[in-house]
Amino acid sequence: MHTVLSPCGSLEMSPVVIVEKALERGLDIIGITDHNSTRQCAEVYRVGQQKGIAVYCGAEVTTKEEVHCLTFFENFEKLKAFQAYLDKHLPNLPNDPEKFGHQVWVNADEEIAGQEERLLISAIDQSIDEVEAKVRELNGLFIPAHIFRPSFSVYSQLGFMPFDIKPDAIGMSARVDVEEQIKKHPELIQFTVLRSSDAHFPDQIGAHYTILEMENSSFEEFRKALHQVDGRKVVELR
């Protein structure tokens, strides 16, 4: 989901609101993926630790082909390294808050801790192959998002799933019939499918989700579930 940091995210999407709404909806794990930034992750993770919900931290990267890809990292050292990569490759285009929305990150008391001046919904100057390579270098997870969406998806921008990338999973939105799409695109049968709310507003949290069968909510268990090893797997998409 997105936080207050994403310009398209509601200013209500603070760490406390996100965690409390996720718990209210019965979620055990949430993923924080703001556009081209990880700077709100640590505070959501901290609040999640306090309140008993697992938080996977990463970003939703817009590649230079304008493909949205989810990335997740196992610790803050690797998250920091990926943030440095994003800072290096995000173009220096100023955000207009009146037009696109505010880009701030906040603490648990909803006090502003910082502001990103560059427009986060811009495409970085790295290809999908280069983004995946960086994620692999940091032992992260790489998941093309909402792959059949009419815009900002692998199929809308490229028309196919590139043969030289190896996603850990692929995302499909709730309106997509997964079985029908795999029949149309048999190259996708090898990938685990995930579904999420892609929430931008509190009321959207938990609207759609994936049920995973894992021993616990650790990052490595999540990796195993995506690759369906050692009995871990995706059980259901809702």
Protein backbone atom coordinates (compact mmCIF):
# COMPACT_ATOMS: atom_id res chain seq x y z
CA MET A 1 0.00 0.00 0.00
CA HIS A 2 0.93 3.66 -0.27
CA THR A 3 1.42 6.11 2.58
CA VAL A 4 1.13 9.83 3.02
CA LEU A 5 4.51 10.07 1.24
CA SER A 6 3.15 9.09 -2.18
CA PRO A 7 1.63 12.13 -3.92
CA CYS A 8 -1.35 9.96 -4.89
CA GLY A 9 -1.72 8.71 -1.31
CA SER A 10 -4.15 10.29 1.12
CA LEU A 11 -2.76 12.58 3.82
CA GLU A 12 -4.66 10.28 6.20
CA MET A 13 -2.30 7.40 5.42
CA SER A 14 -0.04 7.89 8.41
CA PRO A 15 1.82 4.99 10.08
CA VAL A 16 -0.64 4.71 12.98
CA VAL A 17 -3.72 4.90 10.76
CA ILE A 18 -2.32 2.29 8.35
CA VAL A 19 -1.42 -0.18 11.10
CA GLU A 20 -4.64 0.25 13.07
CA LYS A 21 -6.81 -0.09 9.96
CA ALA A 22 -4.87 -3.18 8.85
CA LEU A 23 -5.39 -4.80 12.26
CA GLU A 24 -9.08 -3.88 12.16
CA ARG A 25 -9.33 -5.66 8.79
CA GLY A 26 -7.66 -8.78 10.18
CA LEU A 27 -4.40 -8.55 8.26
CA ASP A 28 -1.24 -10.20 9.62
CA ILE A 29 1.23 -8.67 7.14
CA ILE A 30 1.29 -5.44 5.16
CA GLY A 31 3.66 -4.16 2.50
CA ILE A 32 4.69 -0.50 2.27
CA THR A 33 5.55 0.52 -1.30
CA ASP A 34 5.48 4.25 -1.92
CA HIS A 35 6.35 5.54 -5.36
CA ASN A 36 10.14 5.61 -5.85
CA SER A 37 10.83 6.12 -2.15
CA THR A 38 11.31 4.06 1.01
CA ARG A 39 11.44 6.96 3.47
CA GLN A 40 8.16 6.22 5.29
CA CYS A 41 8.89 2.51 5.73
CA ALA A 42 10.87 2.61 8.98
CA GLU A 43 8.18 4.40 10.95
CA VAL A 44 5.40 2.11 9.72
CA TYR A 45 7.61 -0.86 10.61
CA ARG A 46 8.22 0.54 14.11
CA VAL A 47 4.50 1.11 14.74
CA GLY A 48 3.75 -2.35 13.34
CA GLN A 49 6.24 -3.91 15.75
CA GLN A 50 4.57 -2.15 18.67
CA LYS A 51 1.07 -3.20 17.66
CA GLY A 52 1.79 -6.74 16.47
CA ILE A 53 1.68 -6.69 12.68
CA ALA A 54 4.48 -7.58 10.27
CA VAL A 55 5.56 -4.88 7.82
CA TYR A 56 7.52 -5.66 4.64
CA CYS A 57 9.40 -2.58 3.44
CA GLY A 58 10.17 -1.51 -0.11
CA ALA A 59 9.05 0.77 -2.92
CA GLU A 60 6.94 0.77 -6.06
CA VAL A 61 9.46 1.71 -8.72
CA THR A 62 8.52 3.29 -12.04
CA THR A 63 11.06 2.09 -14.58
CA LYS A 64 12.07 4.19 -17.58
CA GLU A 65 9.57 2.17 -19.66
CA GLU A 66 6.93 3.42 -17.13
CA VAL A 67 6.37 -0.06 -15.73
CA HIS A 68 5.47 -0.25 -12.04
CA CYS A 69 7.42 -2.87 -10.10
CA LEU A 70 7.20 -3.70 -6.39
CA THR A 71 10.44 -4.21 -4.51
CA PHE A 72 10.96 -5.48 -0.96
CA PHE A 73 14.09 -5.78 1.21
CA GLU A 74 14.89 -7.84 4.27
CA ASN A 75 16.53 -5.19 6.46
CA PHE A 76 17.10 -1.47 6.79
CA GLU A 77 20.71 -1.63 5.60
CA LYS A 78 19.56 -2.94 2.22
CA LEU A 79 16.58 -0.61 2.19
CA LYS A 80 18.95 2.33 2.70
CA ALA A 81 21.15 1.14 -0.16
CA PHE A 82 18.11 0.92 -2.44
CA GLN A 83 17.02 4.41 -1.39
CA ALA A 84 20.45 5.70 -2.45
CA TYR A 85 19.91 4.01 -5.82
CA LEU A 86 16.49 5.67 -6.19
CA ASP A 87 17.90 9.06 -5.20
CA LYS A 88 20.60 8.72 -7.85
CA HIS A 89 18.22 7.80 -10.66
CA LEU A 90 15.06 9.83 -9.92
CA PRO A 91 14.98 12.83 -12.30
CA ASN A 92 15.23 16.31 -10.86
CA LEU A 93 11.67 17.32 -11.68
CA PRO A 94 10.08 19.43 -8.92
CA ASN A 95 6.78 18.33 -7.42
CA ASP A 96 3.79 20.67 -7.59
CA PRO A 97 1.77 19.78 -4.45
CA GLU A 98 -1.31 21.61 -5.74
CA LYS A 99 -1.30 19.51 -8.91
CA PHE A 100 0.07 16.13 -7.80
CA GLY A 101 -0.24 16.06 -4.00
CA HIS A 102 2.05 16.47 -1.01
CA GLN A 103 5.13 14.26 -0.57
CA VAL A 104 5.92 14.22 3.14
CA TRP A 105 6.84 11.49 5.59
CA VAL A 106 5.65 11.63 9.17
CA ASN A 107 6.35 10.13 12.59
CA ALA A 108 3.98 8.20 14.85
CA ASP A 109 2.57 11.48 16.18
CA GLU A 110 1.74 12.53 12.59
CA GLU A 111 4.37 15.26 12.70
CA ILE A 112 6.16 15.95 9.42
CA ALA A 113 9.65 14.46 9.50
CA GLY A 114 10.68 15.39 5.96
CA GLN A 115 9.53 16.29 2.48
CA GLU A 116 10.58 15.06 -0.96
CA GLU A 117 10.90 17.97 -3.40
CA ARG A 118 11.28 15.88 -6.55
CA LEU A 119 8.19 14.38 -8.17
CA LEU A 120 8.01 10.78 -6.99
CA ILE A 121 5.65 9.57 -9.69
CA SER A 122 8.26 10.29 -12.37
CA ALA A 123 9.96 7.38 -14.10
CA ILE A 124 13.53 6.78 -12.96
CA ASP A 125 16.23 6.54 -15.63
CA GLN A 126 16.66 2.77 -15.22
CA SER A 127 15.14 -0.03 -17.28
CA ILE A 128 13.14 -2.88 -15.80
CA ASP A 129 16.20 -5.12 -16.30
CA GLU A 130 18.44 -2.67 -14.42
CA VAL A 131 15.97 -2.31 -11.55
CA GLU A 132 15.71 -6.08 -11.21
CA ALA A 133 19.50 -6.37 -11.26
CA LYS A 134 19.81 -3.86 -8.41
CA VAL A 135 17.16 -5.68 -6.38
CA ARG A 136 19.03 -8.98 -6.92
CA GLU A 137 22.30 -7.35 -5.83
CA LEU A 138 20.58 -6.46 -2.53
CA ASN A 139 18.91 -9.91 -2.21
CA GLY A 140 15.48 -8.30 -2.41
CA LEU A 141 12.21 -9.37 -3.97
CA PHE A 142 11.11 -8.13 -7.39
CA ILE A 143 7.43 -8.23 -8.36
CA PRO A 144 5.97 -6.54 -11.48
CA ALA A 145 2.79 -4.82 -10.27
CA HIS A 146 -0.78 -5.09 -11.63
CA ILE A 147 0.61 -6.57 -14.84
CA PHE A 148 -2.60 -6.21 -16.89
CA ARG A 149 -3.54 -2.69 -15.87
CA PRO A 150 -4.20 -0.43 -18.91
CA SER A 151 -1.28 1.81 -17.89
CA PHE A 152 2.01 1.52 -15.98
CA SER A 153 2.15 -2.26 -16.33
CA VAL A 154 4.35 -4.78 -18.10
CA TYR A 155 1.69 -5.63 -20.66
CA SER A 156 0.47 -2.07 -21.27
CA GLN A 157 3.99 -0.71 -21.77
CA LEU A 158 5.89 -3.66 -23.29
CA GLY A 159 3.17 -6.00 -24.51
CA PHE A 160 4.85 -9.06 -23.01
CA MET A 161 6.71 -10.34 -19.97
CA PRO A 162 10.42 -9.85 -20.72
CA PHE A 163 12.20 -13.19 -21.02
CA ASP A 164 15.38 -11.95 -19.34
CA ILE A 165 13.79 -11.06 -15.98
CA LYS A 166 12.91 -13.57 -13.29
CA PRO A 167 10.25 -12.10 -10.99
CA ASP A 168 9.70 -13.57 -7.56
CA ALA A 169 5.97 -13.18 -8.23
CA ILE A 170 3.59 -11.13 -10.37
CA GLY A 171 0.74 -8.90 -9.29
CA MET A 172 -2.78 -9.04 -10.68
CA SER A 173 -5.62 -6.75 -9.67
CA ALA A 174 -8.94 -7.98 -8.30
CA ARG A 175 -10.82 -7.39 -11.54
CA VAL A 176 -8.55 -9.78 -13.45
CA ASP A 177 -9.56 -13.41 -13.94
CA VAL A 178 -6.24 -15.10 -13.15
CA GLU A 179 -6.98 -18.44 -14.82
CA GLU A 180 -8.25 -16.76 -17.98
CA GLN A 181 -5.16 -14.57 -18.26
CA ILE A 182 -2.79 -17.48 -17.73
CA LYS A 183 -4.57 -19.37 -20.53
CA LYS A 184 -3.99 -16.35 -22.77
CA HIS A 185 -0.42 -15.93 -21.58
CA PRO A 186 0.93 -19.42 -20.74
CA GLU A 187 4.39 -17.99 -20.07
CA LEU A 188 2.96 -16.74 -16.76
CA ILE A 189 2.14 -20.19 -15.35
CA GLN A 190 5.62 -20.39 -13.81
CA PHE A 191 5.00 -17.37 -11.53
CA THR A 192 3.21 -17.06 -8.22
CA VAL A 193 0.37 -14.52 -8.41
CA LEU A 194 -0.23 -11.96 -5.68
CA ARG A 195 -3.22 -9.73 -5.10
CA SER A 196 -3.28 -6.66 -2.85
CA SER A 197 -5.40 -3.65 -2.07
CA ASP A 198 -2.87 -1.18 -3.54
CA ALA A 199 -4.50 1.10 -0.95
CA HIS A 200 -4.13 4.85 -1.27
CA PHE A 201 -6.82 5.64 1.33
CA PRO A 202 -7.54 4.06 4.74
CA ASP A 203 -10.87 2.55 3.66
CA GLN A 204 -9.12 0.65 0.86
CA ILE A 205 -6.80 -1.23 3.22
CA GLY A 206 -7.61 -4.94 3.18
CA ALA A 207 -10.13 -4.61 0.35
CA HIS A 208 -8.11 -7.29 -1.49
CA TYR A 209 -5.37 -9.53 -0.16
CA THR A 210 -3.42 -12.77 -0.55
CA ILE A 211 -3.51 -15.66 1.92
CA LEU A 212 -0.08 -17.23 2.42
CA GLU A 213 0.80 -20.52 4.08
CA MET A 214 4.02 -19.90 6.05
CA GLU A 215 5.63 -20.91 9.35
CA ASN A 216 5.80 -17.26 10.47
CA SER A 217 5.76 -13.76 9.02
CA SER A 218 9.53 -13.41 8.47
CA PHE A 219 10.90 -12.09 5.21
CA GLU A 220 12.56 -15.40 4.35
CA GLU A 221 9.29 -17.26 4.90
CA PHE A 222 7.66 -14.80 2.49
CA ARG A 223 10.38 -15.52 -0.07
CA LYS A 224 9.76 -19.26 0.32
CA ALA A 225 6.00 -18.80 -0.13
CA LEU A 226 6.51 -16.84 -3.34
CA HIS A 227 8.68 -19.63 -4.72
CA GLN A 228 6.47 -22.36 -3.22
CA VAL A 229 9.26 -24.26 -1.49
CA ASP A 230 9.33 -26.29 1.74
CA GLY A 231 5.53 -26.42 1.81
CA ARG A 232 5.11 -22.64 1.85
CA LYS A 233 2.74 -21.27 -0.77
CA VAL A 234 -0.03 -18.91 -1.79
CA VAL A 235 -3.30 -20.46 -0.69
CA GLU A 236 -5.88 -18.03 -2.00
CA LEU A 237 -6.38 -14.63 -3.64
CA ARG A 238 -9.19 -12.44 -2.38
